[in-house]
Amino acid sequence: MRNRRMLAATVAACALTAGALAGCGGSTGGGAGPGGSNAGGGSNAGGAADPATACRTLASDAEVAAITGVADLAFDPTGSAVNLADTRICPYQNAGGVEAIVTVYTGQGYTDGFTMEYQIVKDSPGHEDVPGLGRAAVWSANATELDVDLGAKAVTVQFLAKGAGTEIGGPRDKAVALAKLVVGRA
């Protein structure tokens, strides 16, 4: 359990650092791609500028709760919601310490953040390739994280728990279901 949390924290820290650094690049269009367009979704992945609206567009509270089986799991705007250039991090949490984090990467967030995170998960012991989801997908039971490479963008789903007995049962299948929902909207 401790090793899984350490791996999850390391992966998240690497992704956040790379995503933040991606936002420091030469683009002046707030995540705009070549020619000034935001065709990849940029930091507005999910179709809205405000994090709560964008995250709930990707997956509503009811959808996340139904997929995970955690009835009171809901988007938490005071949680780890981050709007980095080309990266949207959406935390769904409950008071009991369960968290589902959905992240969408586009542009430099994809090339600089996700590709590094994907490789870390792919290189971790016990990873499992998940066929039929995106261009490539990998599950890490140790980090309870699913990384889905879609080509110029990506989606990750990660489950965290802050205490014994608060973990989401059958996390791999639930992460796949949540990723399939989000991929269609990202």
N, C-alpha and C. Protein backbone atom coordinates (compact mmCIF):
# COMPACT_ATOMS: atom_id res chain seq x y z
N MET A 1 0.83 -1.19 0.00
CA MET A 1 0.00 0.00 0.00
C MET A 1 0.87 1.26 0.00
N ARG A 2 1.89 1.27 0.87
CA ARG A 2 2.76 2.44 0.94
C ARG A 2 3.50 2.63 -0.38
N ASN A 3 4.01 1.54 -0.97
CA ASN A 3 4.72 1.64 -2.24
C ASN A 3 3.82 2.15 -3.34
N ARG A 4 2.56 1.73 -3.33
CA ARG A 4 1.61 2.17 -4.36
C ARG A 4 1.36 3.66 -4.23
N ARG A 5 1.21 4.15 -3.03
CA ARG A 5 0.99 5.58 -2.84
C ARG A 5 2.22 6.38 -3.24
N MET A 6 3.42 5.84 -2.93
CA MET A 6 4.64 6.53 -3.31
C MET A 6 4.77 6.59 -4.82
N LEU A 7 4.46 5.48 -5.53
CA LEU A 7 4.51 5.47 -6.98
C LEU A 7 3.48 6.45 -7.55
N ALA A 8 2.28 6.44 -7.00
CA ALA A 8 1.23 7.35 -7.47
C ALA A 8 1.65 8.80 -7.28
N ALA A 9 2.23 9.11 -6.12
CA ALA A 9 2.67 10.48 -5.85
C ALA A 9 3.80 10.88 -6.80
N THR A 10 4.71 9.95 -7.07
CA THR A 10 5.82 10.25 -7.98
C THR A 10 5.32 10.52 -9.38
N VAL A 11 4.42 9.66 -9.87
CA VAL A 11 3.86 9.84 -11.21
C VAL A 11 3.11 11.16 -11.30
N ALA A 12 2.30 11.47 -10.30
CA ALA A 12 1.54 12.72 -10.32
C ALA A 12 2.47 13.93 -10.28
N ALA A 13 3.51 13.87 -9.45
CA ALA A 13 4.45 14.99 -9.36
C ALA A 13 5.18 15.20 -10.69
N CYS A 14 5.58 14.11 -11.32
CA CYS A 14 6.27 14.22 -12.62
C CYS A 14 5.34 14.84 -13.66
N ALA A 15 4.10 14.39 -13.68
CA ALA A 15 3.15 14.91 -14.67
C ALA A 15 2.86 16.38 -14.43
N LEU A 16 2.67 16.77 -13.17
CA LEU A 16 2.38 18.16 -12.87
C LEU A 16 3.58 19.05 -13.21
N THR A 17 4.77 18.60 -12.89
CA THR A 17 5.96 19.38 -13.20
C THR A 17 6.11 19.55 -14.70
N ALA A 18 5.98 18.44 -15.43
CA ALA A 18 6.11 18.52 -16.89
C ALA A 18 5.00 19.39 -17.49
N GLY A 19 3.79 19.27 -16.98
CA GLY A 19 2.70 20.09 -17.47
C GLY A 19 2.92 21.56 -17.19
N ALA A 20 3.42 21.86 -16.00
CA ALA A 20 3.70 23.26 -15.66
C ALA A 20 4.80 23.82 -16.55
N LEU A 21 5.83 23.00 -16.78
CA LEU A 21 6.91 23.46 -17.66
C LEU A 21 6.42 23.64 -19.08
N ALA A 22 5.48 22.79 -19.51
CA ALA A 22 4.93 22.94 -20.86
C ALA A 22 4.24 24.29 -21.00
N GLY A 23 3.64 24.76 -19.91
CA GLY A 23 2.97 26.05 -19.94
C GLY A 23 3.93 27.22 -20.01
N CYS A 24 5.21 26.96 -19.81
CA CYS A 24 6.22 28.03 -19.86
C CYS A 24 6.82 28.18 -21.24
N GLY A 25 6.36 27.42 -22.21
CA GLY A 25 6.93 27.44 -23.55
C GLY A 25 6.61 28.72 -24.29
N GLY A 26 6.89 28.72 -25.58
CA GLY A 26 6.78 29.92 -26.39
C GLY A 26 5.38 30.28 -26.83
N SER A 27 4.39 29.44 -26.58
CA SER A 27 3.04 29.73 -27.02
C SER A 27 2.47 30.90 -26.24
N THR A 28 1.87 31.85 -26.94
CA THR A 28 1.25 32.99 -26.27
C THR A 28 -0.26 32.90 -26.33
N GLY A 29 -0.76 31.82 -26.87
CA GLY A 29 -2.21 31.70 -27.03
C GLY A 29 -2.88 30.92 -25.94
N GLY A 30 -2.30 30.85 -24.74
CA GLY A 30 -2.95 30.15 -23.64
C GLY A 30 -3.18 28.70 -23.96
N GLY A 31 -2.19 28.03 -24.53
CA GLY A 31 -2.34 26.64 -24.89
C GLY A 31 -2.67 26.47 -26.36
N ALA A 32 -2.60 27.54 -27.11
CA ALA A 32 -2.94 27.45 -28.52
C ALA A 32 -1.92 26.64 -29.28
N GLY A 33 -2.40 25.94 -30.26
CA GLY A 33 -1.53 25.13 -31.10
C GLY A 33 -0.98 25.96 -32.24
N PRO A 34 -0.39 25.30 -33.24
CA PRO A 34 0.15 26.02 -34.39
C PRO A 34 -0.92 26.89 -35.05
N GLY A 35 -0.54 28.07 -35.41
CA GLY A 35 -1.47 28.98 -36.07
C GLY A 35 -2.41 29.67 -35.11
N GLY A 36 -2.21 29.49 -33.79
CA GLY A 36 -3.03 30.19 -32.81
C GLY A 36 -4.32 29.50 -32.47
N SER A 37 -4.61 28.34 -33.07
CA SER A 37 -5.87 27.67 -32.75
C SER A 37 -5.69 26.83 -31.51
N ASN A 38 -6.80 26.48 -30.91
CA ASN A 38 -6.78 25.61 -29.74
C ASN A 38 -7.43 24.30 -30.12
N ALA A 39 -7.06 23.78 -31.27
CA ALA A 39 -7.71 22.60 -31.83
C ALA A 39 -7.59 21.38 -30.94
N GLY A 40 -6.55 21.26 -30.17
CA GLY A 40 -6.38 20.10 -29.31
C GLY A 40 -7.15 20.20 -28.03
N GLY A 41 -7.87 21.26 -27.79
CA GLY A 41 -8.63 21.42 -26.57
C GLY A 41 -7.89 22.28 -25.55
N GLY A 42 -6.58 22.26 -25.58
CA GLY A 42 -5.77 23.09 -24.69
C GLY A 42 -6.24 23.00 -23.26
N SER A 43 -6.05 24.08 -22.52
CA SER A 43 -6.45 24.07 -21.13
C SER A 43 -7.96 24.11 -20.99
N ASN A 44 -8.67 24.25 -22.09
CA ASN A 44 -10.12 24.24 -22.05
C ASN A 44 -10.69 22.88 -22.42
N ALA A 45 -9.93 21.82 -22.25
CA ALA A 45 -10.43 20.48 -22.52
C ALA A 45 -11.72 20.31 -21.74
N GLY A 46 -12.74 19.86 -22.40
CA GLY A 46 -14.03 19.75 -21.74
C GLY A 46 -14.96 20.87 -22.14
N GLY A 47 -14.49 21.86 -22.90
CA GLY A 47 -15.34 22.86 -23.50
C GLY A 47 -15.66 24.07 -22.65
N ALA A 48 -15.04 24.26 -21.51
CA ALA A 48 -15.36 25.42 -20.69
C ALA A 48 -14.10 25.95 -20.04
N ALA A 49 -14.08 27.26 -19.78
CA ALA A 49 -12.90 27.87 -19.19
C ALA A 49 -12.80 27.58 -17.69
N ASP A 50 -13.93 27.50 -17.01
CA ASP A 50 -13.87 27.29 -15.56
C ASP A 50 -13.73 25.80 -15.26
N PRO A 51 -12.80 25.44 -14.36
CA PRO A 51 -12.48 24.03 -14.12
C PRO A 51 -13.68 23.17 -13.73
N ALA A 52 -14.56 23.67 -12.89
CA ALA A 52 -15.69 22.86 -12.44
C ALA A 52 -16.60 22.49 -13.61
N THR A 53 -16.92 23.46 -14.45
CA THR A 53 -17.79 23.19 -15.60
C THR A 53 -17.11 22.24 -16.57
N ALA A 54 -15.84 22.49 -16.86
CA ALA A 54 -15.10 21.64 -17.80
C ALA A 54 -15.01 20.22 -17.29
N CYS A 55 -14.70 20.04 -16.01
CA CYS A 55 -14.59 18.69 -15.46
C CYS A 55 -15.92 17.98 -15.46
N ARG A 56 -16.97 18.67 -15.07
CA ARG A 56 -18.29 18.02 -15.04
C ARG A 56 -18.83 17.74 -16.44
N THR A 57 -18.29 18.43 -17.46
CA THR A 57 -18.63 18.11 -18.84
C THR A 57 -17.95 16.81 -19.27
N LEU A 58 -16.74 16.59 -18.79
CA LEU A 58 -16.04 15.34 -19.08
C LEU A 58 -16.70 14.16 -18.39
N ALA A 59 -17.08 14.33 -17.14
CA ALA A 59 -17.74 13.27 -16.37
C ALA A 59 -18.52 13.93 -15.24
N SER A 60 -19.82 13.71 -15.22
CA SER A 60 -20.64 14.31 -14.16
C SER A 60 -20.40 13.57 -12.84
N ASP A 61 -20.78 14.21 -11.75
CA ASP A 61 -20.67 13.58 -10.44
C ASP A 61 -21.41 12.25 -10.43
N ALA A 62 -22.62 12.23 -10.99
CA ALA A 62 -23.44 11.00 -11.00
C ALA A 62 -22.77 9.89 -11.81
N GLU A 63 -22.16 10.25 -12.92
CA GLU A 63 -21.48 9.24 -13.75
C GLU A 63 -20.28 8.65 -13.03
N VAL A 64 -19.47 9.51 -12.41
CA VAL A 64 -18.29 9.03 -11.68
C VAL A 64 -18.72 8.16 -10.51
N ALA A 65 -19.73 8.59 -9.78
CA ALA A 65 -20.22 7.81 -8.64
C ALA A 65 -20.76 6.45 -9.10
N ALA A 66 -21.51 6.45 -10.19
CA ALA A 66 -22.09 5.19 -10.69
C ALA A 66 -21.00 4.23 -11.18
N ILE A 67 -20.02 4.73 -11.90
CA ILE A 67 -18.95 3.87 -12.43
C ILE A 67 -18.08 3.31 -11.31
N THR A 68 -17.74 4.15 -10.33
CA THR A 68 -16.85 3.70 -9.25
C THR A 68 -17.57 2.91 -8.16
N GLY A 69 -18.87 3.11 -8.05
CA GLY A 69 -19.61 2.47 -6.97
C GLY A 69 -19.51 3.21 -5.65
N VAL A 70 -18.97 4.43 -5.69
CA VAL A 70 -18.86 5.27 -4.50
C VAL A 70 -19.91 6.36 -4.62
N ALA A 71 -21.03 6.18 -3.91
CA ALA A 71 -22.21 7.02 -4.11
C ALA A 71 -21.98 8.50 -3.89
N ASP A 72 -21.12 8.87 -2.96
CA ASP A 72 -20.94 10.29 -2.65
C ASP A 72 -19.70 10.91 -3.28
N LEU A 73 -19.13 10.25 -4.27
CA LEU A 73 -17.95 10.79 -4.97
C LEU A 73 -18.41 11.93 -5.87
N ALA A 74 -17.81 13.11 -5.73
CA ALA A 74 -18.22 14.29 -6.49
C ALA A 74 -17.03 15.18 -6.79
N PHE A 75 -17.13 15.97 -7.85
CA PHE A 75 -16.07 16.92 -8.19
C PHE A 75 -15.82 17.83 -7.00
N ASP A 76 -14.57 18.02 -6.66
CA ASP A 76 -14.20 18.86 -5.53
C ASP A 76 -13.36 20.03 -6.01
N PRO A 77 -13.95 21.22 -6.15
CA PRO A 77 -13.20 22.37 -6.65
C PRO A 77 -12.10 22.83 -5.70
N THR A 78 -12.12 22.37 -4.45
CA THR A 78 -11.05 22.74 -3.52
C THR A 78 -9.95 21.68 -3.51
N GLY A 79 -10.14 20.62 -4.28
CA GLY A 79 -9.16 19.54 -4.34
C GLY A 79 -8.00 19.91 -5.23
N SER A 80 -7.51 18.92 -5.94
CA SER A 80 -6.31 19.13 -6.75
C SER A 80 -6.63 19.59 -8.17
N ALA A 81 -7.76 20.26 -8.36
CA ALA A 81 -8.12 20.75 -9.70
C ALA A 81 -7.06 21.74 -10.18
N VAL A 82 -6.54 21.47 -11.34
CA VAL A 82 -5.46 22.30 -11.87
C VAL A 82 -5.78 22.61 -13.33
N ASN A 83 -5.57 23.83 -13.71
CA ASN A 83 -5.71 24.27 -15.08
C ASN A 83 -4.35 24.68 -15.60
N LEU A 84 -3.53 23.73 -15.97
CA LEU A 84 -2.24 24.05 -16.55
C LEU A 84 -2.40 24.17 -18.06
N ALA A 85 -1.43 24.78 -18.70
CA ALA A 85 -1.48 24.86 -20.16
C ALA A 85 -1.60 23.46 -20.72
N ASP A 86 -2.63 23.21 -21.47
CA ASP A 86 -2.85 21.95 -22.17
C ASP A 86 -3.06 20.75 -21.25
N THR A 87 -3.41 20.96 -19.99
CA THR A 87 -3.67 19.86 -19.07
C THR A 87 -4.85 20.23 -18.19
N ARG A 88 -5.82 19.34 -18.10
CA ARG A 88 -6.98 19.52 -17.23
C ARG A 88 -7.00 18.38 -16.23
N ILE A 89 -6.86 18.69 -14.94
CA ILE A 89 -6.88 17.68 -13.88
C ILE A 89 -8.17 17.85 -13.10
N CYS A 90 -8.97 16.79 -13.05
CA CYS A 90 -10.29 16.84 -12.42
C CYS A 90 -10.39 15.84 -11.27
N PRO A 91 -10.40 16.32 -10.01
CA PRO A 91 -10.52 15.42 -8.87
C PRO A 91 -11.99 15.24 -8.45
N TYR A 92 -12.37 14.01 -8.26
CA TYR A 92 -13.68 13.67 -7.72
C TYR A 92 -13.39 12.99 -6.38
N GLN A 93 -13.90 13.57 -5.28
CA GLN A 93 -13.54 13.11 -3.94
C GLN A 93 -14.76 12.93 -3.07
N ASN A 94 -14.55 12.21 -1.96
CA ASN A 94 -15.58 12.16 -0.94
C ASN A 94 -14.94 12.41 0.42
N ALA A 95 -15.76 12.58 1.44
CA ALA A 95 -15.24 12.88 2.78
C ALA A 95 -14.49 11.70 3.39
N GLY A 96 -14.72 10.50 2.88
CA GLY A 96 -14.08 9.32 3.43
C GLY A 96 -12.67 9.07 2.93
N GLY A 97 -12.17 9.89 2.04
CA GLY A 97 -10.80 9.74 1.58
C GLY A 97 -10.62 9.03 0.25
N VAL A 98 -11.71 8.81 -0.48
CA VAL A 98 -11.61 8.19 -1.80
C VAL A 98 -11.54 9.29 -2.85
N GLU A 99 -10.66 9.10 -3.84
CA GLU A 99 -10.51 10.10 -4.89
C GLU A 99 -10.34 9.41 -6.24
N ALA A 100 -11.05 9.91 -7.23
CA ALA A 100 -10.86 9.51 -8.62
C ALA A 100 -10.37 10.76 -9.34
N ILE A 101 -9.22 10.65 -10.00
CA ILE A 101 -8.66 11.81 -10.69
C ILE A 101 -8.66 11.52 -12.19
N VAL A 102 -9.32 12.37 -12.95
CA VAL A 102 -9.37 12.26 -14.40
C VAL A 102 -8.54 13.41 -14.96
N THR A 103 -7.59 13.09 -15.82
CA THR A 103 -6.73 14.12 -16.40
C THR A 103 -6.76 13.99 -17.92
N VAL A 104 -6.89 15.12 -18.59
CA VAL A 104 -6.85 15.17 -20.05
C VAL A 104 -5.65 16.02 -20.45
N TYR A 105 -4.82 15.45 -21.31
CA TYR A 105 -3.62 16.13 -21.81
C TYR A 105 -3.77 16.41 -23.30
N THR A 106 -3.42 17.62 -23.72
CA THR A 106 -3.38 17.98 -25.13
C THR A 106 -2.11 18.80 -25.37
N GLY A 107 -1.79 19.08 -26.61
CA GLY A 107 -0.65 19.95 -26.94
C GLY A 107 0.61 19.56 -26.20
N GLN A 108 1.28 20.57 -25.61
CA GLN A 108 2.51 20.31 -24.87
C GLN A 108 2.27 19.50 -23.61
N GLY A 109 1.09 19.58 -23.04
CA GLY A 109 0.77 18.74 -21.90
C GLY A 109 0.87 17.28 -22.27
N TYR A 110 0.46 16.97 -23.51
CA TYR A 110 0.57 15.60 -24.02
C TYR A 110 2.02 15.25 -24.30
N THR A 111 2.70 16.08 -25.08
CA THR A 111 4.05 15.73 -25.50
C THR A 111 5.06 15.76 -24.35
N ASP A 112 4.92 16.71 -23.44
CA ASP A 112 5.89 16.85 -22.35
C ASP A 112 5.47 16.13 -21.06
N GLY A 113 4.18 16.17 -20.74
CA GLY A 113 3.71 15.58 -19.49
C GLY A 113 3.27 14.14 -19.62
N PHE A 114 2.30 13.91 -20.49
CA PHE A 114 1.73 12.56 -20.58
C PHE A 114 2.74 11.52 -21.07
N THR A 115 3.50 11.84 -22.09
CA THR A 115 4.42 10.83 -22.63
C THR A 115 5.41 10.37 -21.57
N MET A 116 5.86 11.27 -20.71
CA MET A 116 6.75 10.88 -19.62
C MET A 116 6.00 10.02 -18.60
N GLU A 117 4.80 10.44 -18.22
CA GLU A 117 3.99 9.69 -17.26
C GLU A 117 3.68 8.29 -17.79
N TYR A 118 3.32 8.21 -19.07
CA TYR A 118 3.00 6.92 -19.68
C TYR A 118 4.22 5.99 -19.62
N GLN A 119 5.39 6.53 -19.91
CA GLN A 119 6.60 5.70 -19.89
C GLN A 119 6.93 5.22 -18.49
N ILE A 120 6.71 6.08 -17.48
CA ILE A 120 6.94 5.68 -16.09
C ILE A 120 6.03 4.51 -15.73
N VAL A 121 4.75 4.62 -16.09
CA VAL A 121 3.80 3.55 -15.79
C VAL A 121 4.16 2.30 -16.58
N LYS A 122 4.49 2.46 -17.85
CA LYS A 122 4.85 1.33 -18.72
C LYS A 122 6.08 0.60 -18.19
N ASP A 123 7.01 1.32 -17.61
CA ASP A 123 8.23 0.73 -17.08
C ASP A 123 8.08 0.19 -15.66
N SER A 124 6.95 0.46 -15.02
CA SER A 124 6.78 0.02 -13.63
C SER A 124 6.49 -1.48 -13.57
N PRO A 125 6.92 -2.12 -12.49
CA PRO A 125 6.66 -3.55 -12.35
C PRO A 125 5.16 -3.81 -12.28
N GLY A 126 4.73 -4.88 -12.91
CA GLY A 126 3.33 -5.29 -12.83
C GLY A 126 2.36 -4.50 -13.69
N HIS A 127 2.87 -3.69 -14.63
CA HIS A 127 1.95 -2.96 -15.50
C HIS A 127 1.26 -3.96 -16.44
N GLU A 128 0.12 -3.53 -16.97
CA GLU A 128 -0.65 -4.38 -17.87
C GLU A 128 -1.13 -3.56 -19.06
N ASP A 129 -0.83 -4.01 -20.28
CA ASP A 129 -1.36 -3.35 -21.46
C ASP A 129 -2.86 -3.60 -21.52
N VAL A 130 -3.62 -2.58 -21.92
CA VAL A 130 -5.07 -2.68 -22.01
C VAL A 130 -5.44 -2.52 -23.48
N PRO A 131 -5.76 -3.62 -24.16
CA PRO A 131 -6.06 -3.55 -25.59
C PRO A 131 -7.43 -2.92 -25.85
N GLY A 132 -7.57 -2.35 -27.06
CA GLY A 132 -8.86 -1.83 -27.50
C GLY A 132 -9.25 -0.49 -26.93
N LEU A 133 -8.31 0.21 -26.34
CA LEU A 133 -8.61 1.50 -25.74
C LEU A 133 -7.58 2.51 -26.25
N GLY A 134 -8.02 3.40 -27.11
CA GLY A 134 -7.12 4.40 -27.69
C GLY A 134 -6.06 3.77 -28.57
N ARG A 135 -5.01 4.53 -28.83
CA ARG A 135 -3.88 4.04 -29.61
C ARG A 135 -3.09 3.01 -28.80
N ALA A 136 -3.00 3.25 -27.50
CA ALA A 136 -2.35 2.35 -26.56
C ALA A 136 -2.83 2.73 -25.16
N ALA A 137 -2.91 1.74 -24.30
CA ALA A 137 -3.32 2.01 -22.92
C ALA A 137 -2.57 1.06 -22.00
N VAL A 138 -2.27 1.55 -20.80
CA VAL A 138 -1.54 0.74 -19.83
C VAL A 138 -2.14 0.97 -18.45
N TRP A 139 -2.27 -0.13 -17.70
CA TRP A 139 -2.80 -0.09 -16.33
C TRP A 139 -1.69 -0.43 -15.36
N SER A 140 -1.59 0.32 -14.28
CA SER A 140 -0.66 0.01 -13.19
C SER A 140 -1.48 -0.26 -11.95
N ALA A 141 -1.50 -1.52 -11.52
CA ALA A 141 -2.21 -1.86 -10.30
C ALA A 141 -1.54 -1.20 -9.09
N ASN A 142 -0.22 -1.05 -9.13
CA ASN A 142 0.50 -0.42 -8.02
C ASN A 142 0.10 1.03 -7.82
N ALA A 143 -0.12 1.74 -8.90
CA ALA A 143 -0.50 3.16 -8.82
C ALA A 143 -2.01 3.34 -8.98
N THR A 144 -2.75 2.26 -9.17
CA THR A 144 -4.18 2.30 -9.53
C THR A 144 -4.44 3.40 -10.56
N GLU A 145 -3.70 3.30 -11.67
CA GLU A 145 -3.75 4.32 -12.72
C GLU A 145 -3.84 3.68 -14.09
N LEU A 146 -4.71 4.25 -14.92
CA LEU A 146 -4.85 3.86 -16.31
C LEU A 146 -4.44 5.04 -17.17
N ASP A 147 -3.50 4.82 -18.09
CA ASP A 147 -3.06 5.86 -19.02
C ASP A 147 -3.48 5.46 -20.42
N VAL A 148 -4.21 6.35 -21.10
CA VAL A 148 -4.73 6.07 -22.43
C VAL A 148 -4.15 7.08 -23.42
N ASP A 149 -3.38 6.59 -24.37
CA ASP A 149 -2.77 7.43 -25.41
C ASP A 149 -3.72 7.45 -26.61
N LEU A 150 -4.18 8.64 -26.97
CA LEU A 150 -5.12 8.79 -28.08
C LEU A 150 -4.48 9.37 -29.34
N GLY A 151 -3.17 9.54 -29.32
CA GLY A 151 -2.53 10.23 -30.44
C GLY A 151 -2.19 11.63 -30.00
N ALA A 152 -2.69 12.66 -30.46
CA ALA A 152 -2.30 14.01 -30.06
C ALA A 152 -2.85 14.43 -28.70
N LYS A 153 -3.56 13.55 -28.02
CA LYS A 153 -4.05 13.83 -26.67
C LYS A 153 -4.13 12.53 -25.89
N ALA A 154 -4.40 12.65 -24.59
CA ALA A 154 -4.42 11.47 -23.73
C ALA A 154 -5.35 11.70 -22.55
N VAL A 155 -5.74 10.58 -21.94
CA VAL A 155 -6.58 10.60 -20.75
C VAL A 155 -5.95 9.67 -19.72
N THR A 156 -5.90 10.12 -18.47
CA THR A 156 -5.51 9.22 -17.38
C THR A 156 -6.63 9.19 -16.36
N VAL A 157 -6.77 8.03 -15.73
CA VAL A 157 -7.71 7.86 -14.62
C VAL A 157 -6.92 7.23 -13.50
N GLN A 158 -6.98 7.84 -12.32
CA GLN A 158 -6.26 7.30 -11.17
C GLN A 158 -7.17 7.31 -9.96
N PHE A 159 -7.10 6.25 -9.17
CA PHE A 159 -7.86 6.15 -7.93
C PHE A 159 -6.90 6.20 -6.75
N LEU A 160 -7.24 7.02 -5.76
CA LEU A 160 -6.45 7.13 -4.53
C LEU A 160 -7.38 6.92 -3.35
N ALA A 161 -6.82 6.44 -2.24
CA ALA A 161 -7.59 6.25 -1.02
C ALA A 161 -6.71 6.63 0.17
N LYS A 162 -7.31 7.24 1.17
CA LYS A 162 -6.54 7.73 2.31
C LYS A 162 -6.65 6.85 3.55
N GLY A 163 -7.20 5.67 3.43
CA GLY A 163 -7.30 4.81 4.60
C GLY A 163 -7.70 3.40 4.24
N ALA A 164 -7.46 2.49 5.14
CA ALA A 164 -7.82 1.09 4.91
C ALA A 164 -9.33 0.97 4.72
N GLY A 165 -9.72 0.16 3.77
CA GLY A 165 -11.14 -0.08 3.53
C GLY A 165 -11.82 0.98 2.68
N THR A 166 -11.04 1.96 2.19
CA THR A 166 -11.67 3.02 1.39
C THR A 166 -11.34 2.89 -0.09
N GLU A 167 -10.66 1.83 -0.46
CA GLU A 167 -10.26 1.68 -1.86
C GLU A 167 -11.44 1.27 -2.72
N ILE A 168 -11.37 1.61 -3.99
CA ILE A 168 -12.41 1.27 -4.96
C ILE A 168 -12.19 -0.17 -5.40
N GLY A 169 -13.20 -1.00 -5.26
CA GLY A 169 -13.09 -2.41 -5.65
C GLY A 169 -13.09 -2.55 -7.17
N GLY A 170 -12.30 -3.52 -7.68
CA GLY A 170 -12.22 -3.73 -9.12
C GLY A 170 -11.76 -2.51 -9.87
N PRO A 171 -10.68 -1.87 -9.42
CA PRO A 171 -10.30 -0.57 -9.98
C PRO A 171 -9.95 -0.58 -11.47
N ARG A 172 -9.35 -1.64 -11.97
CA ARG A 172 -8.96 -1.66 -13.39
C ARG A 172 -10.18 -1.52 -14.28
N ASP A 173 -11.18 -2.35 -14.07
CA ASP A 173 -12.38 -2.31 -14.92
C ASP A 173 -13.13 -0.99 -14.77
N LYS A 174 -13.14 -0.45 -13.56
CA LYS A 174 -13.82 0.83 -13.35
C LYS A 174 -13.05 1.98 -14.00
N ALA A 175 -11.72 1.90 -13.97
CA ALA A 175 -10.90 2.92 -14.65
C ALA A 175 -11.12 2.86 -16.16
N VAL A 176 -11.21 1.65 -16.70
CA VAL A 176 -11.47 1.49 -18.14
C VAL A 176 -12.83 2.09 -18.50
N ALA A 177 -13.85 1.81 -17.70
CA ALA A 177 -15.19 2.35 -17.97
C ALA A 177 -15.20 3.87 -17.91
N LEU A 178 -14.54 4.44 -16.91
CA LEU A 178 -14.48 5.89 -16.78
C LEU A 178 -13.68 6.51 -17.93
N ALA A 179 -12.59 5.87 -18.31
CA ALA A 179 -11.78 6.37 -19.43
C ALA A 179 -12.59 6.35 -20.73
N LYS A 180 -13.35 5.28 -20.97
CA LYS A 180 -14.16 5.19 -22.19
C LYS A 180 -15.17 6.33 -22.24
N LEU A 181 -15.76 6.66 -21.11
CA LEU A 181 -16.71 7.78 -21.04
C LEU A 181 -16.02 9.09 -21.38
N VAL A 182 -14.87 9.34 -20.75
CA VAL A 182 -14.16 10.60 -20.91
C VAL A 182 -13.54 10.73 -22.31
N VAL A 183 -13.01 9.66 -22.85
CA VAL A 183 -12.39 9.69 -24.18
C VAL A 183 -13.37 10.21 -25.22
N GLY A 184 -14.62 9.83 -25.11
CA GLY A 184 -15.63 10.29 -26.05
C GLY A 184 -15.95 11.77 -25.93
N ARG A 185 -15.53 12.40 -24.84
CA ARG A 185 -15.85 13.82 -24.58
C ARG A 185 -14.62 14.72 -24.56
N ALA A 186 -13.46 14.12 -24.52
CA ALA A 186 -12.22 14.91 -24.36
C ALA A 186 -11.86 15.63 -25.65
